Protein backbone atom coordinates (compact mmCIF):
# COMPACT_ATOMS: atom_id res chain seq x y z
CA MET A 1 -5.89 -20.03 -12.31
CA THR A 2 -2.47 -19.87 -10.75
CA ILE A 3 0.86 -18.53 -11.94
CA MET A 4 3.88 -20.66 -11.13
CA LEU A 5 7.06 -18.64 -11.48
CA ARG A 6 10.40 -20.35 -11.84
CA PRO A 7 13.14 -19.33 -9.35
CA VAL A 8 14.64 -16.01 -10.41
CA VAL A 9 18.19 -14.84 -9.97
CA LEU A 10 17.71 -11.30 -8.70
CA ALA A 11 21.17 -10.18 -9.81
CA ALA A 12 20.20 -10.91 -13.40
CA LEU A 13 16.93 -9.03 -13.17
CA LEU A 14 18.28 -6.11 -11.19
CA GLY A 15 21.11 -5.59 -13.63
CA ALA A 16 24.45 -6.99 -14.64
CA ALA A 17 26.07 -4.01 -12.93
CA ALA A 18 25.41 -5.71 -9.61
CA ALA A 19 28.11 -8.26 -10.46
CA GLN A 20 30.62 -5.72 -11.80
CA GLU A 21 33.05 -3.41 -10.05
CA PRO A 22 31.08 -0.77 -8.14
CA LYS A 23 30.99 2.62 -9.86
CA PRO A 24 31.27 5.90 -7.97
CA PRO A 25 27.83 7.37 -7.22
CA ALA A 26 26.49 10.04 -9.53
CA ASP A 27 25.55 13.52 -8.40
CA TYR A 28 21.85 13.03 -7.81
CA VAL A 29 19.49 12.02 -4.99
CA VAL A 30 16.63 9.49 -4.97
CA HIS A 31 13.90 9.46 -2.34
CA GLU A 32 11.09 6.90 -2.19
CA TRP A 33 8.04 6.68 0.01
CA GLY A 34 5.36 4.06 -0.06
CA THR A 35 2.52 2.45 1.85
CA PHE A 36 1.30 -1.08 2.35
CA THR A 37 -1.81 -2.45 4.03
CA SER A 38 -2.66 -5.72 5.75
CA MET A 39 -5.33 -6.76 8.23
CA VAL A 40 -5.66 -9.18 11.15
CA GLY A 41 -8.72 -10.67 12.82
CA THR A 42 -9.71 -10.82 16.47
CA ALA A 43 -7.48 -13.87 16.98
CA GLY A 44 -4.46 -12.01 15.55
CA ALA A 45 -4.26 -14.03 12.31
CA VAL A 46 -3.65 -12.30 8.97
CA LEU A 47 -6.79 -12.10 6.81
CA GLU A 48 -7.15 -12.51 3.07
CA GLY A 49 -9.18 -10.23 0.81
CA LEU A 50 -6.95 -7.15 0.55
CA HIS A 51 -7.21 -6.81 -3.26
CA HIS A 52 -10.10 -4.32 -3.23
CA GLU A 53 -9.43 -0.69 -4.19
CA GLU A 54 -9.86 2.25 -1.82
CA GLU A 55 -8.40 5.26 -3.59
CA ALA A 56 -9.16 5.27 -7.33
CA LEU A 57 -6.26 5.95 -9.67
CA PRO A 58 -6.40 8.28 -12.69
CA PRO A 59 -7.43 6.55 -15.92
CA PHE A 60 -4.02 7.06 -17.53
CA VAL A 61 -2.31 4.77 -14.97
CA HIS A 62 -1.37 1.50 -16.66
CA GLN A 63 -2.97 -1.75 -15.53
CA LEU A 64 -1.21 -5.10 -15.82
CA ARG A 65 -4.18 -6.53 -17.73
CA THR A 66 -4.08 -3.92 -20.51
CA ILE A 67 -0.49 -2.74 -20.90
CA ALA A 68 -0.30 -3.97 -24.50
CA SER A 69 -3.14 -1.76 -25.72
CA PHE A 70 -2.44 1.42 -23.74
CA GLY A 71 -6.20 1.76 -23.38
CA THR A 72 -7.74 3.47 -20.39
CA THR A 73 -9.49 0.96 -18.21
CA VAL A 74 -11.23 0.40 -14.89
CA SER A 75 -10.56 -3.33 -15.00
CA LYS A 76 -8.87 -4.81 -11.94
CA LEU A 77 -6.76 -7.89 -11.64
CA PRO A 78 -8.87 -10.82 -10.36
CA ALA A 79 -6.86 -12.36 -7.54
CA SER A 80 -7.31 -14.59 -4.52
CA ARG A 81 -5.36 -15.22 -1.31
CA VAL A 82 -4.15 -11.62 -1.16
CA THR A 83 -2.94 -10.62 2.31
CA GLN A 84 -0.90 -7.53 1.42
CA LYS A 85 -1.72 -4.46 -0.65
CA MET A 86 1.38 -2.54 -1.72
CA GLU A 87 -0.40 0.71 -2.37
CA THR A 88 1.75 3.65 -3.36
CA PRO A 89 5.48 3.51 -3.66
CA VAL A 90 6.59 6.65 -5.51
CA ILE A 91 10.20 7.40 -6.42
CA TYR A 92 11.45 11.01 -6.67
CA PHE A 93 14.62 12.15 -8.42
CA HIS A 94 16.62 15.26 -7.49
CA SER A 95 19.37 16.43 -9.82
CA GLU A 96 20.90 19.76 -10.84
CA LYS A 97 21.36 18.55 -14.40
CA ALA A 98 19.84 16.18 -16.93
CA LEU A 99 20.68 12.54 -16.31
CA PRO A 100 19.81 9.14 -17.85
CA VAL A 101 18.91 6.55 -15.18
CA SER A 102 17.93 2.90 -15.27
CA VAL A 103 15.56 1.75 -12.50
CA ARG A 104 14.82 -1.86 -11.60
CA VAL A 105 12.61 -2.96 -8.70
CA TRP A 106 11.49 -6.42 -7.58
CA PHE A 107 8.42 -7.17 -5.40
CA ASP A 108 9.00 -10.33 -3.39
CA GLN A 109 5.95 -12.61 -3.10
CA GLY A 110 3.94 -10.00 -4.96
CA LEU A 111 2.67 -9.00 -8.38
CA MET A 112 3.04 -5.47 -9.74
CA THR A 113 -0.43 -4.62 -11.01
CA GLN A 114 -0.49 -0.85 -11.70
CA PHE A 115 2.28 1.57 -12.68
CA TYR A 116 3.09 4.89 -14.33
CA PRO A 117 4.91 5.68 -16.51
CA LEU A 118 4.78 2.40 -18.37
CA PRO A 119 8.01 0.45 -17.73
CA ASN A 120 10.30 -0.78 -20.47
CA GLU A 121 9.94 -4.27 -19.04
CA VAL A 122 7.33 -6.04 -16.89
CA PHE A 123 8.09 -9.48 -15.47
CA PRO A 124 6.58 -12.04 -15.50
CA PRO A 125 5.15 -11.59 -19.01
CA LEU A 126 1.59 -12.75 -18.40
CA GLY A 127 -0.88 -13.68 -21.12
CA LYS A 128 -3.94 -15.85 -20.71
CA GLU A 129 -3.21 -16.13 -16.97
CA LEU A 130 -4.77 -12.69 -16.57
CA GLU A 131 -8.10 -13.87 -17.92
CA ALA A 132 -8.81 -15.87 -14.75
CA ARG A 133 -8.38 -15.41 -11.02
CA ILE A 134 -4.73 -15.50 -9.96
CA ASP A 135 -3.79 -17.43 -6.83
CA MET A 136 -1.25 -15.14 -5.18
CA SER A 137 0.17 -17.96 -3.08
CA LYS A 138 1.71 -19.29 -6.33
CA VAL A 139 3.46 -16.03 -7.24
CA ASP A 140 7.14 -15.82 -6.31
CA GLY A 141 7.52 -12.19 -7.23
CA SER A 142 7.50 -9.64 -10.04
CA PHE A 143 9.77 -7.05 -11.56
CA LEU A 144 9.67 -3.65 -13.30
CA HIS A 145 12.37 -1.90 -15.33
CA TRP A 146 12.35 1.71 -16.49
CA ASP A 147 14.91 3.53 -18.62
CA LEU A 148 14.28 7.21 -18.09
CA ASP A 149 15.69 10.68 -18.41
CA VAL A 150 15.77 12.88 -15.36
CA LEU A 151 14.87 16.23 -16.93
CA PRO A 152 16.67 19.47 -16.05
CA ARG A 153 15.20 21.58 -13.27
CA GLY A 154 12.80 24.17 -14.60
CA THR A 155 11.49 21.96 -17.42
CA ALA A 156 7.87 22.92 -18.13
CA ALA A 157 5.40 20.28 -16.95
CA GLU A 158 2.75 21.12 -19.52
CA PRO A 159 1.50 19.61 -21.72
CA ALA A 160 3.43 16.39 -21.27
CA VAL A 161 2.28 15.60 -17.70
CA PRO A 162 -1.28 14.19 -17.63
CA LYS A 163 -3.86 16.43 -16.01
CA VAL A 164 -5.63 15.49 -12.77
CA ALA A 165 -7.96 17.42 -10.49
CA PHE A 166 -6.22 19.51 -7.84
CA ASP A 167 -7.87 17.56 -5.01
CA GLU A 168 -6.91 14.07 -6.24
CA PRO A 169 -4.29 12.17 -4.22
CA TRP A 170 -2.27 11.78 -7.43
CA ALA A 171 -1.87 15.57 -7.54
CA PHE A 172 -0.78 15.74 -3.89
CA ALA A 173 2.19 13.48 -4.60
CA ARG A 174 3.34 15.93 -7.30
CA GLN A 175 3.74 18.82 -4.85
CA THR A 176 7.50 18.54 -4.39
CA THR A 177 10.65 20.08 -5.88
CA ALA A 178 11.64 16.79 -7.52
CA ASN A 179 12.71 16.76 -11.18
CA LEU A 180 10.37 15.62 -13.89
CA VAL A 181 11.23 12.23 -15.39
CA ARG A 182 10.48 10.95 -18.89
CA THR A 183 10.63 7.32 -19.96
CA ARG A 184 12.99 6.31 -22.75
CA PRO A 185 11.57 3.19 -24.45
CA ASP A 186 13.80 0.89 -26.46
CA ALA A 187 12.95 -0.91 -29.68
CA ASP A 188 11.81 -4.07 -27.87
CA SER A 189 9.43 -2.28 -25.53
CA PRO A 190 5.76 -1.44 -26.15
CA ALA A 191 6.24 1.65 -23.98
CA ARG A 192 6.18 5.21 -25.26
CA PRO A 193 7.71 8.38 -23.76
CA GLU A 194 5.65 9.50 -20.77
CA THR A 195 6.43 12.30 -18.32
CA GLU A 196 5.64 12.56 -14.62
CA HIS A 197 6.99 13.99 -11.36
CA TYR A 198 7.82 10.52 -10.05
CA LEU A 199 7.73 6.80 -10.78
CA PHE A 200 4.67 5.03 -9.36
CA TYR A 201 3.89 1.36 -8.85
CA ARG A 202 1.35 -0.68 -6.92
CA GLY A 203 0.84 -4.40 -6.32
CA LEU A 204 -0.81 -7.31 -4.55
CA GLY A 205 1.00 -9.92 -2.54
CA ARG A 206 1.39 -12.31 0.36
CA TRP A 207 4.58 -10.93 1.89
CA GLN A 208 4.03 -10.37 5.58
CA PRO A 209 6.46 -8.48 7.81
CA GLN A 210 6.99 -10.09 11.20
CA VAL A 211 4.88 -7.76 13.29
CA GLY A 212 1.65 -8.41 15.13
CA ILE A 213 -1.22 -6.58 16.77
CA GLN A 214 -3.50 -8.10 19.37
CA SER A 215 -6.65 -6.22 20.30
CA LEU A 216 -7.65 -6.55 23.95
CA GLY A 217 -10.84 -4.50 23.55
CA ALA A 218 -11.78 -1.19 25.19
CA GLY A 219 -9.07 0.71 23.31
CA LYS A 220 -6.23 -1.56 24.42
CA ALA A 221 -3.87 -3.36 22.03
CA VAL A 222 -0.37 -4.84 21.95
CA PHE A 223 1.94 -4.16 18.98
CA ASP A 224 4.72 -6.73 18.64
CA ASN A 225 7.99 -6.27 16.69
CA ARG A 226 9.38 -9.65 15.64
CA LEU A 227 11.61 -8.17 12.93
CA ALA A 228 15.40 -8.13 13.08
CA GLY A 229 15.41 -4.32 12.90
CA ARG A 230 14.15 -1.45 15.01
CA ILE A 231 10.76 0.00 14.10
CA PRO A 232 11.42 3.74 14.37
CA PHE A 233 7.80 4.87 14.76
CA CYS A 234 4.33 3.50 15.42
CA LEU A 235 0.94 5.01 16.17
CA LEU A 236 -2.42 3.49 17.15
CA LEU A 237 -5.59 5.05 15.78
CA GLU A 238 -9.24 4.25 16.37
CA ILE A 239 -12.14 5.99 14.61
CA GLY A 240 -15.84 5.29 15.00
CA ALA A 241 -19.26 6.78 15.73
CA ARG A 242 -17.93 8.84 18.66
CA GLY A 243 -15.08 10.34 16.67
CA GLY A 244 -11.44 9.34 16.91
CA ARG A 245 -8.49 8.99 19.27
CA PHE A 246 -4.86 8.03 18.86
CA ALA A 247 -1.63 7.43 20.74
CA ILE A 248 2.00 7.58 19.57
CA GLY A 249 4.09 4.55 20.45
CA GLY A 250 7.46 5.84 19.27
CA ALA A 251 10.19 3.32 18.46
CA VAL A 252 9.96 -0.43 19.12
CA GLU A 253 13.17 -2.45 19.36
CA PRO A 254 13.54 -5.96 17.86
CA GLY A 255 11.83 -8.58 20.00
CA GLN A 256 9.97 -5.93 21.98
CA GLN A 257 6.35 -4.81 22.07
CA HIS A 258 4.42 -1.67 22.81
CA ASP A 259 1.26 -1.67 24.90
CA PHE A 260 -1.28 0.86 23.66
CA ASP A 261 -4.11 2.07 25.88
CA LEU A 262 -6.61 4.54 24.42
CA ASP A 263 -9.19 3.90 27.13
CA GLN A 264 -8.44 7.06 29.11
CA LEU A 265 -8.12 9.32 26.07
CA PRO A 266 -11.10 11.48 25.09
CA TRP A 267 -12.83 10.91 21.76
CA GLN A 268 -12.40 13.80 19.32
CA PRO A 269 -15.60 14.32 17.31
CA ASP A 270 -13.93 16.63 14.76
CA ARG A 271 -12.30 14.27 12.26
CA GLU A 272 -10.60 17.07 10.36
CA GLN A 273 -8.84 18.27 13.48
CA LEU A 274 -7.94 14.69 14.38
CA ALA A 275 -6.47 14.12 10.90
CA ARG A 276 -4.32 17.26 11.22
CA GLN A 277 -2.95 16.10 14.58
CA ILE A 278 -2.13 12.61 13.30
CA GLY A 279 -0.70 14.03 10.10
CA ALA A 280 1.67 16.28 12.07
CA ALA A 281 2.98 13.27 14.03
CA VAL A 282 3.46 11.17 10.89
CA LEU A 283 5.08 14.10 9.06
CA GLN A 284 7.67 14.45 11.82
CA ALA A 285 8.43 10.72 11.69
CA LEU A 286 8.87 10.77 7.89
CA VAL A 287 11.28 13.70 7.99
CA ALA A 288 13.25 11.93 10.73
CA GLU A 289 13.64 8.99 8.30
CA GLY A 290 15.25 11.22 5.68
CA LEU A 291 12.44 12.45 3.43
CA TYR A 292 12.44 16.10 2.47
CA LEU A 293 9.72 18.15 4.13
CA ASP A 294 7.75 18.61 0.91
CA GLU A 295 7.92 14.86 0.19
CA ALA A 296 6.65 14.05 3.68
CA ARG A 297 3.83 16.57 3.24
CA ALA A 298 2.95 15.01 -0.10
CA MET A 299 2.73 11.57 1.47
CA VAL A 300 0.58 12.76 4.39
CA ALA A 301 -1.73 14.65 2.04
CA THR A 302 -2.04 11.64 -0.27
CA TRP A 303 -3.20 9.29 2.49
CA SER A 304 -4.82 11.62 5.02
CA ARG A 305 -8.35 11.03 3.74
CA SER A 306 -8.06 7.26 3.82
CA TRP A 307 -5.76 6.60 6.77
CA PHE A 308 -6.69 9.34 9.23
CA ARG A 309 -10.44 9.78 8.67
CA ARG A 310 -11.95 6.36 7.86
CA ASP A 311 -13.66 4.23 10.51
CA GLY A 312 -11.64 1.38 11.94
CA ALA A 313 -8.71 0.52 14.20
CA ARG A 314 -5.17 0.53 12.80
CA VAL A 315 -1.52 0.77 13.63
CA LEU A 316 0.64 2.98 11.40
CA TRP A 317 4.31 2.07 11.53
CA VAL A 318 7.56 2.62 9.66
CA LEU A 319 9.25 -0.44 8.16
CA PRO A 320 12.98 -0.78 8.97
CA ARG A 321 15.13 0.05 5.94
CA ALA A 322 16.67 -3.43 5.77
CA GLU A 323 13.17 -4.90 5.41
CA VAL A 324 12.35 -2.43 2.63
CA ASP A 325 15.41 -3.56 0.69
CA THR A 326 14.47 -7.21 1.24
CA VAL A 327 10.89 -7.07 0.00
CA LEU A 328 11.49 -4.40 -2.69
CA PRO A 329 15.10 -4.72 -3.91
CA LEU A 330 15.91 -1.61 -5.95
CA HIS A 331 18.79 -1.11 -8.39
CA LEU A 332 19.64 2.29 -9.87
CA ASP A 333 22.23 2.84 -12.58
CA PRO A 334 24.09 5.05 -12.01
CA GLN A 335 23.88 4.81 -8.25
CA PRO A 336 22.76 8.03 -6.54
CA LYS A 337 24.84 9.76 -3.89
CA GLU A 338 21.87 9.42 -1.54
CA LEU A 339 19.01 6.92 -1.46
CA VAL A 340 16.17 7.23 1.07
CA ARG A 341 13.43 4.57 1.15
CA THR A 342 10.59 5.00 3.66
CA LEU A 343 7.64 2.60 3.72
CA VAL A 344 4.75 3.07 6.14
CA GLY A 345 2.63 0.08 7.07
CA ARG A 346 -1.08 0.28 7.75
CA LEU A 347 -2.00 -2.69 9.92
CA GLU A 348 -5.77 -2.80 10.28
CA PHE A 349 -7.12 -4.95 13.10
CA ILE A 350 -10.60 -6.06 14.07
CA THR A 351 -11.54 -5.29 17.66
CA PRO A 352 -13.96 -7.51 19.58
CA GLU A 353 -16.45 -4.63 19.38
CA ALA A 354 -16.11 -4.45 15.58
CA GLN A 355 -16.67 -8.19 15.25
CA LEU A 356 -19.84 -7.95 17.35
CA ALA A 357 -21.09 -5.17 15.08
CA VAL A 358 -20.55 -7.30 11.95
CA GLU A 359 -22.26 -10.26 13.59
CA GLY A 360 -25.17 -7.97 14.48
CA ALA A 361 -25.38 -6.85 10.85
CA LEU A 362 -25.49 -10.47 9.66
CA ASP A 363 -28.28 -11.13 12.16
CA ASP A 364 -30.16 -8.08 10.89
CA LEU A 365 -29.87 -9.27 7.28
CA ALA A 366 -31.72 -12.46 8.19
CA HIS A 367 -34.51 -10.66 10.09
CA GLN A 368 -38.09 -10.42 8.87
CA ASP A 369 -38.26 -6.70 9.61
CA ALA A 370 -37.33 -4.65 6.52
CA GLU A 371 -35.78 -1.85 8.57
CA ARG A 372 -33.52 -4.33 10.35
CA ARG A 373 -32.43 -5.78 7.00
CA ARG A 374 -31.72 -2.30 5.65
CA ARG A 375 -29.67 -1.46 8.73
CA GLY A 376 -27.64 -4.66 8.44
CA ALA A 377 -26.93 -4.12 4.76
CA SER A 378 -25.93 -0.51 5.41
CA HIS A 379 -23.37 -1.54 8.03
CA LEU A 380 -21.74 -4.07 5.72
CA VAL A 381 -21.64 -1.65 2.78
CA ALA A 382 -19.90 0.91 5.01
CA LEU A 383 -17.01 -1.52 5.52
CA ASP A 384 -16.16 -0.89 1.86
CA ARG A 385 -12.84 -2.49 0.80
CA PHE A 386 -12.51 -4.27 4.15
CA LEU A 387 -15.85 -6.09 3.93
CA GLU A 388 -14.25 -9.32 2.73
CA PRO A 389 -11.66 -9.58 5.56
CA HIS A 390 -14.36 -8.71 8.12
CA LEU A 391 -16.50 -11.55 6.81
CA ARG A 392 -13.51 -13.89 6.81
CA ASN A 393 -12.92 -13.00 10.44
CA VAL A 394 -16.49 -13.96 11.38
CA GLU A 395 -16.26 -17.09 9.24
CA THR A 396 -13.28 -18.17 11.36
CA ASN A 397 -13.87 -16.54 14.74
CA GLY A 398 -17.65 -16.05 14.81
CA SER A 399 -19.46 -16.57 18.10
CA SER A 400 -21.80 -19.25 16.72
CA ASP A 401 -22.05 -21.82 13.93
CA ARG A 402 -25.00 -19.90 12.50
CA LEU A 403 -23.03 -16.66 12.17
CA ARG A 404 -20.01 -18.44 10.73
CA ARG A 405 -22.25 -19.97 8.05
CA ALA A 406 -23.87 -16.59 7.37
CA ALA A 407 -20.43 -15.01 6.84
CA LYS A 408 -19.42 -17.85 4.54
CA ASP A 409 -22.59 -17.36 2.47
CA ARG A 410 -21.93 -13.63 2.15
CA LEU A 411 -18.36 -14.32 1.05
CA ALA A 412 -19.63 -16.59 -1.69
CA GLU A 413 -21.79 -13.73 -2.99
CA LEU A 414 -18.75 -11.45 -3.23
CA ARG A 415 -16.83 -13.75 -5.55
CA PRO A 416 -17.49 -13.24 -9.28
């Protein structure tokens, strides 16, 4: 099933204040960091199949499918043609005194699917559409609105803030000096007061920033900035059976590219040490973009396990601020005296070597020898959330008709 959204006037959704005389900013600060993930195949084309989860969320996080019941759930939104996973924008508030704030955010070409606390308003209001697979190519965008109270500094977190284990990524994002926030539902909202250290949202979409990565094999790749703005930081990372290696590309100007070459760099077998080194580089880049040190540490800690330790080849890069405001327009009332928005992209790419490995696994699955079949299945299972895009890559770019058909058959098995 598809969802056709009528054209939306963003000024109306983001608040009537946008059309009024600008008010002087209030004495508070808002900082936001977030991550988004996409993937390209060996031919450089964007791949679908990015709707699968990698890091599980706590059960109290609200899902789009069940917001009316407030029930805990593990259900996920069935969607197709997803090429972008907006994974963890979190918004922190810093104020020396209590303050009521209205927050409105729009996701262009995307659908907000998970959030906490529960917003006062979720747009579009979906009903039976959620019972079937949603075609994301038919979604224009979505919108969230919170009315909240920024609580005074020193407000006790317990028992209002939901408990999570100390080693969960959700807990890492709490390790800042930001104020607690509590939602303030109105009479027309199904929401209830909920307290957290930040606002969180996540979504699926088809928005694609104008960047590209072309793998040349043997640790070589070209990262291309086709955006109107300067990319302030990028880093290439490759992790596999021999360990990991990475190179920092620095800033990339509009219309320029950066040539990465890992071929002469030694593989580091200790993934923990590698993750610390990459984390230090990313931390420095985040602070340079305006995040407080504890916020940057929280972001690195949240994604270190997934981004810096998992097998694969990826470019990590910082989205120019103008692009952030285009894809995720944000309105705050009152306006803060400072607003920092830092989104880091994770652009996974399939190397020629990785494609050969998937093709070998598909060959093994069709073999008469049981050990070969087990080995093939094990390789595909290890691809985890990226199995579908890997199969789509072989379906399109496979080295033979037989392998392309085998990938297509496996894809059909993945679909419910």
